[in-house]
Amino acid sequence: MDKVFKALADPNRRRLLDLLHQENGQTLTSLCEHMDMTRQGVTQHLQQLEDANLVSMLRQGREKLHYLNPVPLHEIHKRWIGKFERSRLDALRNLKQKLEGDDND
């Protein structure tokens, strides 16, 4: 999970993830069109995203297609975000019940 957080810490890598979210299965060339950096820089960022398992690469003929892997993000959400949402949702439910005069729960 440390690699995921490290990968997400950089705004350029987050931008690459956003681009893949918009259109999955892009080539390096198409990703470079939207980035303000060299092809080598984009390649290095993609490598870090691959190392963190956030992006996977599939060869199709002579091209490499890059795909977003949302599983590590889901794991972060489940571990770090989801548990905080539950308490907020419970508080809202309790408030709703109090305001509506429903104290049966």
PDB file of N, CA and C in Angstrom:
ATOM      1  N   MET A   1       0.815  -1.194   0.000  1.00  0.00           N
ATOM      2  CA  MET A   1       0.000   0.000   0.000  1.00  0.00           C
ATOM      3  C   MET A   1       0.862   1.263   0.000  1.00  0.00           C
ATOM      4  N   ASP A   2       2.086   1.153   0.503  1.00  0.00           N
ATOM      5  CA  ASP A   2       2.984   2.313   0.498  1.00  0.00           C
ATOM      6  C   ASP A   2       3.276   2.791  -0.918  1.00  0.00           C
ATOM      7  N   LYS A   3       3.446   1.836  -1.851  1.00  0.00           N
ATOM      8  CA  LYS A   3       3.712   2.216  -3.237  1.00  0.00           C
ATOM      9  C   LYS A   3       2.525   2.956  -3.843  1.00  0.00           C
ATOM     10  N   VAL A   4       1.328   2.566  -3.446  1.00  0.00           N
ATOM     11  CA  VAL A   4       0.123   3.229  -3.956  1.00  0.00           C
ATOM     12  C   VAL A   4       0.079   4.668  -3.471  1.00  0.00           C
ATOM     13  N   PHE A   5       0.304   4.877  -2.179  1.00  0.00           N
ATOM     14  CA  PHE A   5       0.293   6.237  -1.640  1.00  0.00           C
ATOM     15  C   PHE A   5       1.404   7.089  -2.262  1.00  0.00           C
ATOM     16  N   LYS A   6       2.571   6.487  -2.450  1.00  0.00           N
ATOM     17  CA  LYS A   6       3.673   7.218  -3.071  1.00  0.00           C
ATOM     18  C   LYS A   6       3.323   7.587  -4.513  1.00  0.00           C
ATOM     19  N   ALA A   7       2.714   6.669  -5.229  1.00  0.00           N
ATOM     20  CA  ALA A   7       2.316   6.948  -6.613  1.00  0.00           C
ATOM     21  C   ALA A   7       1.256   8.045  -6.670  1.00  0.00           C
ATOM     22  N   LEU A   8       0.327   8.031  -5.743  1.00  0.00           N
ATOM     23  CA  LEU A   8      -0.749   9.024  -5.730  1.00  0.00           C
ATOM     24  C   LEU A   8      -0.281  10.396  -5.260  1.00  0.00           C
ATOM     25  N   ALA A   9       0.892  10.465  -4.646  1.00  0.00           N
ATOM     26  CA  ALA A   9       1.389  11.731  -4.105  1.00  0.00           C
ATOM     27  C   ALA A   9       1.782  12.728  -5.196  1.00  0.00           C
ATOM     28  N   ASP A  10       2.010  12.244  -6.401  1.00  0.00           N
ATOM     29  CA  ASP A  10       2.473  13.115  -7.479  1.00  0.00           C
ATOM     30  C   ASP A  10       1.306  13.552  -8.370  1.00  0.00           C
ATOM     31  N   PRO A  11       1.136  14.856  -8.609  1.00  0.00           N
ATOM     32  CA  PRO A  11       0.021  15.338  -9.440  1.00  0.00           C
ATOM     33  C   PRO A  11       0.081  14.853 -10.888  1.00  0.00           C
ATOM     34  N   ASN A  12       1.271  14.625 -11.426  1.00  0.00           N
ATOM     35  CA  ASN A  12       1.384  14.115 -12.790  1.00  0.00           C
ATOM     36  C   ASN A  12       0.860  12.678 -12.889  1.00  0.00           C
ATOM     37  N   ARG A  13       1.156  11.875 -11.884  1.00  0.00           N
ATOM     38  CA  ARG A  13       0.661  10.496 -11.895  1.00  0.00           C
ATOM     39  C   ARG A  13      -0.851  10.480 -11.683  1.00  0.00           C
ATOM     40  N   ARG A  14      -1.367  11.367 -10.837  1.00  0.00           N
ATOM     41  CA  ARG A  14      -2.828  11.457 -10.676  1.00  0.00           C
ATOM     42  C   ARG A  14      -3.477  11.876 -11.988  1.00  0.00           C
ATOM     43  N   ARG A  15      -2.826  12.773 -12.723  1.00  0.00           N
ATOM     44  CA  ARG A  15      -3.348  13.197 -14.032  1.00  0.00           C
ATOM     45  C   ARG A  15      -3.390  12.017 -15.003  1.00  0.00           C
ATOM     46  N   LEU A  16      -2.352  11.191 -14.997  1.00  0.00           N
ATOM     47  CA  LEU A  16      -2.343  10.006 -15.848  1.00  0.00           C
ATOM     48  C   LEU A  16      -3.489   9.059 -15.485  1.00  0.00           C
ATOM     49  N   LEU A  17      -3.724   8.881 -14.201  1.00  0.00           N
ATOM     50  CA  LEU A  17      -4.844   8.032 -13.770  1.00  0.00           C
ATOM     51  C   LEU A  17      -6.173   8.623 -14.217  1.00  0.00           C
ATOM     52  N   ASP A  18      -6.305   9.944 -14.123  1.00  0.00           N
ATOM     53  CA  ASP A  18      -7.530  10.603 -14.593  1.00  0.00           C
ATOM     54  C   ASP A  18      -7.724  10.384 -16.090  1.00  0.00           C
ATOM     55  N   LEU A  19      -6.646  10.485 -16.852  1.00  0.00           N
ATOM     56  CA  LEU A  19      -6.730  10.275 -18.296  1.00  0.00           C
ATOM     57  C   LEU A  19      -7.154   8.848 -18.620  1.00  0.00           C
ATOM     58  N   LEU A  20      -6.624   7.884 -17.878  1.00  0.00           N
ATOM     59  CA  LEU A  20      -7.005   6.492 -18.109  1.00  0.00           C
ATOM     60  C   LEU A  20      -8.426   6.224 -17.637  1.00  0.00           C
ATOM     61  N   HIS A  21      -8.861   6.949 -16.634  1.00  0.00           N
ATOM     62  CA  HIS A  21     -10.248   6.801 -16.184  1.00  0.00           C
ATOM     63  C   HIS A  21     -11.208   7.311 -17.261  1.00  0.00           C
ATOM     64  N   GLN A  22     -10.836   8.399 -17.915  1.00  0.00           N
ATOM     65  CA  GLN A  22     -11.666   8.962 -18.979  1.00  0.00           C
ATOM     66  C   GLN A  22     -11.718   8.042 -20.189  1.00  0.00           C
ATOM     67  N   GLU A  23     -10.565   7.475 -20.531  1.00  0.00           N
ATOM     68  CA  GLU A  23     -10.481   6.582 -21.697  1.00  0.00           C
ATOM     69  C   GLU A  23      -9.430   5.524 -21.411  1.00  0.00           C
ATOM     70  N   ASN A  24      -9.876   4.356 -21.041  1.00  0.00           N
ATOM     71  CA  ASN A  24      -8.968   3.276 -20.690  1.00  0.00           C
ATOM     72  C   ASN A  24      -8.343   2.680 -21.943  1.00  0.00           C
ATOM     73  N   GLY A  25      -7.146   2.120 -21.813  1.00  0.00           N
ATOM     74  CA  GLY A  25      -6.493   1.453 -22.925  1.00  0.00           C
ATOM     75  C   GLY A  25      -5.793   2.400 -23.877  1.00  0.00           C
ATOM     76  N   GLN A  26      -5.109   3.391 -23.339  1.00  0.00           N
ATOM     77  CA  GLN A  26      -4.414   4.374 -24.180  1.00  0.00           C
ATOM     78  C   GLN A  26      -2.955   3.990 -24.393  1.00  0.00           C
ATOM     79  N   THR A  27      -2.434   4.434 -25.519  1.00  0.00           N
ATOM     80  CA  THR A  27      -1.014   4.248 -25.816  1.00  0.00           C
ATOM     81  C   THR A  27      -0.211   5.345 -25.126  1.00  0.00           C
ATOM     82  N   LEU A  28       1.083   5.139 -25.068  1.00  0.00           N
ATOM     83  CA  LEU A  28       1.979   6.146 -24.510  1.00  0.00           C
ATOM     84  C   LEU A  28       1.864   7.447 -25.303  1.00  0.00           C
ATOM     85  N   THR A  29       1.786   7.332 -26.606  1.00  0.00           N
ATOM     86  CA  THR A  29       1.677   8.520 -27.468  1.00  0.00           C
ATOM     87  C   THR A  29       0.429   9.328 -27.133  1.00  0.00           C
ATOM     88  N   SER A  30      -0.702   8.659 -26.968  1.00  0.00           N
ATOM     89  CA  SER A  30      -1.932   9.399 -26.664  1.00  0.00           C
ATOM     90  C   SER A  30      -1.894  10.012 -25.268  1.00  0.00           C
ATOM     91  N   LEU A  31      -1.258   9.349 -24.331  1.00  0.00           N
ATOM     92  CA  LEU A  31      -1.131   9.919 -22.987  1.00  0.00           C
ATOM     93  C   LEU A  31      -0.200  11.129 -23.003  1.00  0.00           C
ATOM     94  N   CYS A  32       0.867  11.053 -23.783  1.00  0.00           N
ATOM     95  CA  CYS A  32       1.824  12.158 -23.866  1.00  0.00           C
ATOM     96  C   CYS A  32       1.191  13.426 -24.427  1.00  0.00           C
ATOM     97  N   GLU A  33       0.193  13.282 -25.281  1.00  0.00           N
ATOM     98  CA  GLU A  33      -0.471  14.444 -25.870  1.00  0.00           C
ATOM     99  C   GLU A  33      -1.124  15.342 -24.813  1.00  0.00           C
ATOM    100  N   HIS A  34      -1.472  14.755 -23.686  1.00  0.00           N
ATOM    101  CA  HIS A  34      -2.173  15.501 -22.641  1.00  0.00           C
ATOM    102  C   HIS A  34      -1.268  15.907 -21.477  1.00  0.00           C
ATOM    103  N   MET A  35       0.002  15.563 -21.582  1.00  0.00           N
ATOM    104  CA  MET A  35       0.924  15.847 -20.492  1.00  0.00           C
ATOM    105  C   MET A  35       1.957  16.878 -20.948  1.00  0.00           C
ATOM    106  N   ASP A  36       2.310  17.765 -20.034  1.00  0.00           N
ATOM    107  CA  ASP A  36       3.300  18.801 -20.329  1.00  0.00           C
ATOM    108  C   ASP A  36       4.679  18.340 -19.857  1.00  0.00           C
ATOM    109  N   MET A  37       5.156  17.242 -20.475  1.00  0.00           N
ATOM    110  CA  MET A  37       6.468  16.698 -20.127  1.00  0.00           C
ATOM    111  C   MET A  37       6.955  15.819 -21.266  1.00  0.00           C
ATOM    112  N   THR A  38       8.184  15.404 -21.169  1.00  0.00           N
ATOM    113  CA  THR A  38       8.768  14.577 -22.222  1.00  0.00           C
ATOM    114  C   THR A  38       8.162  13.174 -22.197  1.00  0.00           C
ATOM    115  N   ARG A  39       8.326  12.484 -23.299  1.00  0.00           N
ATOM    116  CA  ARG A  39       7.873  11.096 -23.405  1.00  0.00           C
ATOM    117  C   ARG A  39       8.554  10.237 -22.334  1.00  0.00           C
ATOM    118  N   GLN A  40       9.843  10.493 -22.111  1.00  0.00           N
ATOM    119  CA  GLN A  40      10.587   9.748 -21.100  1.00  0.00           C
ATOM    120  C   GLN A  40      10.008  10.003 -19.701  1.00  0.00           C
ATOM    121  N   GLY A  41       9.620  11.247 -19.429  1.00  0.00           N
ATOM    122  CA  GLY A  41       9.017  11.567 -18.137  1.00  0.00           C
ATOM    123  C   GLY A  41       7.699  10.839 -17.931  1.00  0.00           C
ATOM    124  N   VAL A  42       6.869  10.817 -18.960  1.00  0.00           N
ATOM    125  CA  VAL A  42       5.582  10.102 -18.867  1.00  0.00           C
ATOM    126  C   VAL A  42       5.838   8.611 -18.651  1.00  0.00           C
ATOM    127  N   THR A  43       6.835   8.066 -19.370  1.00  0.00           N
ATOM    128  CA  THR A  43       7.181   6.649 -19.220  1.00  0.00           C
ATOM    129  C   THR A  43       7.591   6.330 -17.787  1.00  0.00           C
ATOM    130  N   GLN A  44       8.380   7.208 -17.179  1.00  0.00           N
ATOM    131  CA  GLN A  44       8.816   6.978 -15.799  1.00  0.00           C
ATOM    132  C   GLN A  44       7.630   7.025 -14.831  1.00  0.00           C
ATOM    133  N   HIS A  45       6.721   7.951 -15.050  1.00  0.00           N
ATOM    134  CA  HIS A  45       5.535   8.020 -14.187  1.00  0.00           C
ATOM    135  C   HIS A  45       4.654   6.785 -14.374  1.00  0.00           C
ATOM    136  N   LEU A  46       4.498   6.345 -15.611  1.00  0.00           N
ATOM    137  CA  LEU A  46       3.711   5.134 -15.855  1.00  0.00           C
ATOM    138  C   LEU A  46       4.349   3.917 -15.196  1.00  0.00           C
ATOM    139  N   GLN A  47       5.677   3.873 -15.185  1.00  0.00           N
ATOM    140  CA  GLN A  47       6.367   2.754 -14.546  1.00  0.00           C
ATOM    141  C   GLN A  47       6.087   2.731 -13.045  1.00  0.00           C
ATOM    142  N   GLN A  48       6.082   3.885 -12.417  1.00  0.00           N
ATOM    143  CA  GLN A  48       5.772   3.932 -10.982  1.00  0.00           C
ATOM    144  C   GLN A  48       4.322   3.521 -10.729  1.00  0.00           C
ATOM    145  N   LEU A  49       3.420   3.908 -11.621  1.00  0.00           N
ATOM    146  CA  LEU A  49       2.024   3.499 -11.487  1.00  0.00           C
ATOM    147  C   LEU A  49       1.879   1.986 -11.680  1.00  0.00           C
ATOM    148  N   GLU A  50       2.661   1.424 -12.593  1.00  0.00           N
ATOM    149  CA  GLU A  50       2.659  -0.031 -12.781  1.00  0.00           C
ATOM    150  C   GLU A  50       3.225  -0.733 -11.547  1.00  0.00           C
ATOM    151  N   ASP A  51       4.310  -0.189 -11.001  1.00  0.00           N
ATOM    152  CA  ASP A  51       4.919  -0.777  -9.797  1.00  0.00           C
ATOM    153  C   ASP A  51       3.939  -0.784  -8.628  1.00  0.00           C
ATOM    154  N   ALA A  52       3.059   0.211  -8.579  1.00  0.00           N
ATOM    155  CA  ALA A  52       2.058   0.297  -7.514  1.00  0.00           C
ATOM    156  C   ALA A  52       0.790  -0.484  -7.867  1.00  0.00           C
ATOM    157  N   ASN A  53       0.795  -1.132  -9.016  1.00  0.00           N
ATOM    158  CA  ASN A  53      -0.334  -1.921  -9.492  1.00  0.00           C
ATOM    159  C   ASN A  53      -1.571  -1.073  -9.789  1.00  0.00           C
ATOM    160  N   LEU A  54      -1.364   0.203 -10.052  1.00  0.00           N
ATOM    161  CA  LEU A  54      -2.474   1.086 -10.399  1.00  0.00           C
ATOM    162  C   LEU A  54      -2.736   1.113 -11.898  1.00  0.00           C
ATOM    163  N   VAL A  55      -1.742   0.706 -12.674  1.00  0.00           N
ATOM    164  CA  VAL A  55      -1.849   0.664 -14.130  1.00  0.00           C
ATOM    165  C   VAL A  55      -1.286  -0.666 -14.595  1.00  0.00           C
ATOM    166  N   SER A  56      -1.959  -1.263 -15.562  1.00  0.00           N
ATOM    167  CA  SER A  56      -1.418  -2.470 -16.191  1.00  0.00           C
ATOM    168  C   SER A  56      -1.218  -2.183 -17.665  1.00  0.00           C
ATOM    169  N   MET A  57      -0.303  -2.913 -18.267  1.00  0.00           N
ATOM    170  CA  MET A  57       0.053  -2.691 -19.661  1.00  0.00           C
ATOM    171  C   MET A  57      -0.206  -3.973 -20.428  1.00  0.00           C
ATOM    172  N   LEU A  58      -0.766  -3.822 -21.613  1.00  0.00           N
ATOM    173  CA  LEU A  58      -1.053  -4.962 -22.479  1.00  0.00           C
ATOM    174  C   LEU A  58      -0.514  -4.657 -23.867  1.00  0.00           C
ATOM    175  N   ARG A  59       0.291  -5.566 -24.394  1.00  0.00           N
ATOM    176  CA  ARG A  59       0.813  -5.400 -25.755  1.00  0.00           C
ATOM    177  C   ARG A  59      -0.263  -5.805 -26.748  1.00  0.00           C
ATOM    178  N   GLN A  60      -0.453  -4.950 -27.730  1.00  0.00           N
ATOM    179  CA  GLN A  60      -1.365  -5.256 -28.818  1.00  0.00           C
ATOM    180  C   GLN A  60      -0.629  -4.944 -30.117  1.00  0.00           C
ATOM    181  N   GLY A  61      -0.067  -5.977 -30.699  1.00  0.00           N
ATOM    182  CA  GLY A  61       0.788  -5.768 -31.866  1.00  0.00           C
ATOM    183  C   GLY A  61       2.049  -5.034 -31.452  1.00  0.00           C
ATOM    184  N   ARG A  62       2.296  -3.900 -32.102  1.00  0.00           N
ATOM    185  CA  ARG A  62       3.481  -3.098 -31.785  1.00  0.00           C
ATOM    186  C   ARG A  62       3.207  -2.071 -30.700  1.00  0.00           C
ATOM    187  N   GLU A  63       1.954  -1.931 -30.297  1.00  0.00           N
ATOM    188  CA  GLU A  63       1.582  -0.912 -29.303  1.00  0.00           C
ATOM    189  C   GLU A  63       1.461  -1.507 -27.913  1.00  0.00           C
ATOM    190  N   LYS A  64       1.691  -0.668 -26.941  1.00  0.00           N
ATOM    191  CA  LYS A  64       1.434  -1.017 -25.544  1.00  0.00           C
ATOM    192  C   LYS A  64       0.236  -0.183 -25.119  1.00  0.00           C
ATOM    193  N   LEU A  65      -0.788  -0.841 -24.626  1.00  0.00           N
ATOM    194  CA  LEU A  65      -1.968  -0.144 -24.135  1.00  0.00           C
ATOM    195  C   LEU A  65      -1.930  -0.137 -22.611  1.00  0.00           C
ATOM    196  N   HIS A  66      -2.240   1.006 -22.034  1.00  0.00           N
ATOM    197  CA  HIS A  66      -2.217   1.171 -20.583  1.00  0.00           C
ATOM    198  C   HIS A  66      -3.649   1.219 -20.056  1.00  0.00           C
ATOM    199  N   TYR A  67      -3.875   0.459 -18.987  1.00  0.00           N
ATOM    200  CA  TYR A  67      -5.203   0.349 -18.395  1.00  0.00           C
ATOM    201  C   TYR A  67      -5.151   0.683 -16.913  1.00  0.00           C
ATOM    202  N   LEU A  68      -6.172   1.356 -16.457  1.00  0.00           N
ATOM    203  CA  LEU A  68      -6.318   1.675 -15.040  1.00  0.00           C
ATOM    204  C   LEU A  68      -6.729   0.414 -14.288  1.00  0.00           C
ATOM    205  N   ASN A  69      -6.081   0.168 -13.168  1.00  0.00           N
ATOM    206  CA  ASN A  69      -6.467  -0.928 -12.279  1.00  0.00           C
ATOM    207  C   ASN A  69      -7.032  -0.296 -11.008  1.00  0.00           C
ATOM    208  N   PRO A  70      -8.352  -0.295 -10.837  1.00  0.00           N
ATOM    209  CA  PRO A  70      -8.953   0.390  -9.693  1.00  0.00           C
ATOM    210  C   PRO A  70      -8.894  -0.384  -8.373  1.00  0.00           C
ATOM    211  N   VAL A  71      -8.421  -1.619  -8.391  1.00  0.00           N
ATOM    212  CA  VAL A  71      -8.448  -2.450  -7.185  1.00  0.00           C
ATOM    213  C   VAL A  71      -7.665  -1.827  -6.022  1.00  0.00           C
ATOM    214  N   PRO A  72      -6.423  -1.361  -6.212  1.00  0.00           N
ATOM    215  CA  PRO A  72      -5.720  -0.752  -5.077  1.00  0.00           C
ATOM    216  C   PRO A  72      -6.442   0.486  -4.525  1.00  0.00           C
ATOM    217  N   LEU A  73      -7.079   1.254  -5.399  1.00  0.00           N
ATOM    218  CA  LEU A  73      -7.836   2.426  -4.934  1.00  0.00           C
ATOM    219  C   LEU A  73      -9.042   1.989  -4.105  1.00  0.00           C
ATOM    220  N   HIS A  74      -9.679   0.920  -4.534  1.00  0.00           N
ATOM    221  CA  HIS A  74     -10.815   0.385  -3.774  1.00  0.00           C
ATOM    222  C   HIS A  74     -10.363  -0.095  -2.387  1.00  0.00           C
ATOM    223  N   GLU A  75      -9.192  -0.733  -2.341  1.00  0.00           N
ATOM    224  CA  GLU A  75      -8.674  -1.204  -1.052  1.00  0.00           C
ATOM    225  C   GLU A  75      -8.394  -0.034  -0.110  1.00  0.00           C
ATOM    226  N   ILE A  76      -7.869   1.050  -0.658  1.00  0.00           N
ATOM    227  CA  ILE A  76      -7.631   2.247   0.158  1.00  0.00           C
ATOM    228  C   ILE A  76      -8.955   2.810   0.645  1.00  0.00           C
ATOM    229  N   HIS A  77      -9.914   2.875  -0.237  1.00  0.00           N
ATOM    230  CA  HIS A  77     -11.233   3.383   0.151  1.00  0.00           C
ATOM    231  C   HIS A  77     -11.834   2.523   1.257  1.00  0.00           C
ATOM    232  N   LYS A  78     -11.745   1.220   1.083  1.00  0.00           N
ATOM    233  CA  LYS A  78     -12.318   0.299   2.066  1.00  0.00           C
ATOM    234  C   LYS A  78     -11.635   0.449   3.429  1.00  0.00           C
ATOM    235  N   ARG A  79     -10.321   0.568   3.413  1.00  0.00           N
ATOM    236  CA  ARG A  79      -9.572   0.618   4.678  1.00  0.00           C
ATOM    237  C   ARG A  79      -9.574   2.001   5.320  1.00  0.00           C
ATOM    238  N   TRP A  80      -9.401   3.060   4.535  1.00  0.00           N
ATOM    239  CA  TRP A  80      -9.172   4.380   5.099  1.00  0.00           C
ATOM    240  C   TRP A  80     -10.358   5.312   5.003  1.00  0.00           C
ATOM    241  N   ILE A  81     -11.212   5.155   4.040  1.00  0.00           N
ATOM    242  CA  ILE A  81     -12.300   6.111   3.842  1.00  0.00           C
ATOM    243  C   ILE A  81     -13.641   5.535   4.270  1.00  0.00           C
ATOM    244  N   GLY A  82     -13.908   4.321   3.870  1.00  0.00           N
ATOM    245  CA  GLY A  82     -15.196   3.693   4.139  1.00  0.00           C
ATOM    246  C   GLY A  82     -15.570   3.651   5.603  1.00  0.00           C
ATOM    247  N   LYS A  83     -14.622   3.349   6.447  1.00  0.00           N
ATOM    248  CA  LYS A  83     -14.953   3.243   7.873  1.00  0.00           C
ATOM    249  C   LYS A  83     -15.329   4.591   8.480  1.00  0.00           C
ATOM    250  N   PHE A  84     -14.824   5.680   7.911  1.00  0.00           N
ATOM    251  CA  PHE A  84     -15.194   7.005   8.401  1.00  0.00           C
ATOM    252  C   PHE A  84     -16.552   7.428   7.861  1.00  0.00           C
ATOM    253  N   GLU A  85     -16.888   6.960   6.672  1.00  0.00           N
ATOM    254  CA  GLU A  85     -18.195   7.269   6.101  1.00  0.00           C
ATOM    255  C   GLU A  85     -19.315   6.620   6.897  1.00  0.00           C
ATOM    256  N   ARG A  86     -19.094   5.403   7.372  1.00  0.00           N
ATOM    257  CA  ARG A  86     -20.132   4.684   8.122  1.00  0.00           C
ATOM    258  C   ARG A  86     -20.590   5.478   9.327  1.00  0.00           C
ATOM    259  N   SER A  87     -19.656   6.032  10.073  1.00  0.00           N
ATOM    260  CA  SER A  87     -20.048   6.772  11.287  1.00  0.00           C
ATOM    261  C   SER A  87     -20.828   8.031  10.915  1.00  0.00           C
ATOM    262  N   ARG A  88     -20.443   8.675   9.823  1.00  0.00           N
ATOM    263  CA  ARG A  88     -21.189   9.863   9.380  1.00  0.00           C
ATOM    264  C   ARG A  88     -22.593   9.491   8.930  1.00  0.00           C
ATOM    265  N   LEU A  89     -22.707   8.405   8.202  1.00  0.00           N
ATOM    266  CA  LEU A  89     -24.029   7.971   7.754  1.00  0.00           C
ATOM    267  C   LEU A  89     -24.905   7.561   8.932  1.00  0.00           C
ATOM    268  N   ASP A  90     -24.317   6.903   9.928  1.00  0.00           N
ATOM    269  CA  ASP A  90     -25.074   6.556  11.133  1.00  0.00           C
ATOM    270  C   ASP A  90     -25.543   7.808  11.860  1.00  0.00           C
ATOM    271  N   ALA A  91     -24.677   8.814  11.944  1.00  0.00           N
ATOM    272  CA  ALA A  91     -25.050  10.066  12.608  1.00  0.00           C
ATOM    273  C   ALA A  91     -26.182  10.756  11.866  1.00  0.00           C
ATOM    274  N   LEU A  92     -26.120  10.764  10.549  1.00  0.00           N
ATOM    275  CA  LEU A  92     -27.203  11.364   9.761  1.00  0.00           C
ATOM    276  C   LEU A  92     -28.511  10.596   9.931  1.00  0.00           C
ATOM    277  N   ARG A  93     -28.419   9.283   9.961  1.00  0.00           N
ATOM    278  CA  ARG A  93     -29.626   8.472  10.177  1.00  0.00           C
ATOM    279  C   ARG A  93     -30.229   8.759  11.547  1.00  0.00           C
ATOM    280  N   ASN A  94     -29.400   8.835  12.567  1.00  0.00           N
ATOM    281  CA  ASN A  94     -29.888   9.125  13.921  1.00  0.00           C
ATOM    282  C   ASN A  94     -30.504  10.515  13.992  1.00  0.00           C
ATOM    283  N   LEU A  95     -29.884  11.493  13.347  1.00  0.00           N
ATOM    284  CA  LEU A  95     -30.421  12.845  13.318  1.00  0.00           C
ATOM    285  C   LEU A  95     -31.778  12.869  12.619  1.00  0.00           C
ATOM    286  N   LYS A  96     -31.874  12.181  11.504  1.00  0.00           N
ATOM    287  CA  LYS A  96     -33.131  12.100  10.753  1.00  0.00           C
ATOM    288  C   LYS A  96     -34.231  11.503  11.628  1.00  0.00           C
ATOM    289  N   GLN A  97     -33.899  10.422  12.323  1.00  0.00           N
ATOM    290  CA  GLN A  97     -34.887   9.775  13.180  1.00  0.00           C
ATOM    291  C   GLN A  97     -35.328  10.710  14.307  1.00  0.00           C
ATOM    292  N   LYS A  98     -34.393  11.433  14.900  1.00  0.00           N
ATOM    293  CA  LYS A  98     -34.737  12.375  15.975  1.00  0.00           C
ATOM    294  C   LYS A  98     -35.628  13.499  15.454  1.00  0.00           C
ATOM    295  N   LEU A  99     -35.270  14.040  14.287  1.00  0.00           N
ATOM    296  CA  LEU A  99     -36.043  15.123  13.719  1.00  0.00           C
ATOM    297  C   LEU A  99     -37.447  14.688  13.320  1.00  0.00           C
ATOM    298  N   GLU A 100     -37.576  13.440  12.899  1.00  0.00           N
ATOM    299  CA  GLU A 100     -38.878  12.925  12.502  1.00  0.00           C
ATOM    300  C   GLU A 100     -39.646  12.356  13.706  1.00  0.00           C
ATOM    301  N   GLY A 101     -39.012  12.327  14.870  1.00  0.00           N
ATOM    302  CA  GLY A 101     -39.677  11.836  16.061  1.00  0.00           C
ATOM    303  C   GLY A 101     -39.752  10.336  16.135  1.00  0.00           C
ATOM    304  N   ASP A 102     -38.914   9.645  15.390  1.00  0.00           N
ATOM    305  CA  ASP A 102     -38.897   8.183  15.351  1.00  0.00           C
ATOM    306  C   ASP A 102     -37.771   7.699  16.247  1.00  0.00           C
ATOM    307  N   ASP A 103     -38.060   7.433  17.523  1.00  0.00           N
ATOM    308  CA  ASP A 103     -37.042   6.989  18.481  1.00  0.00           C
ATOM    309  C   ASP A 103     -37.110   5.492  18.717  1.00  0.00           C
ATOM    310  N   ASN A 104     -37.636   4.724  17.766  1.00  0.00           N
ATOM    311  CA  ASN A 104     -37.770   3.270  17.938  1.00  0.00           C
ATOM    312  C   ASN A 104     -36.454   2.531  17.774  1.00  0.00           C
ATOM    313  N   ASP A 105     -35.482   3.123  17.123  1.00  0.00           N
ATOM    314  CA  ASP A 105     -34.197   2.446  16.894  1.00  0.00           C
ATOM    315  C   ASP A 105     -33.253   2.604  18.022  1.00  0.00           C
TER     316      ASP A 105
END
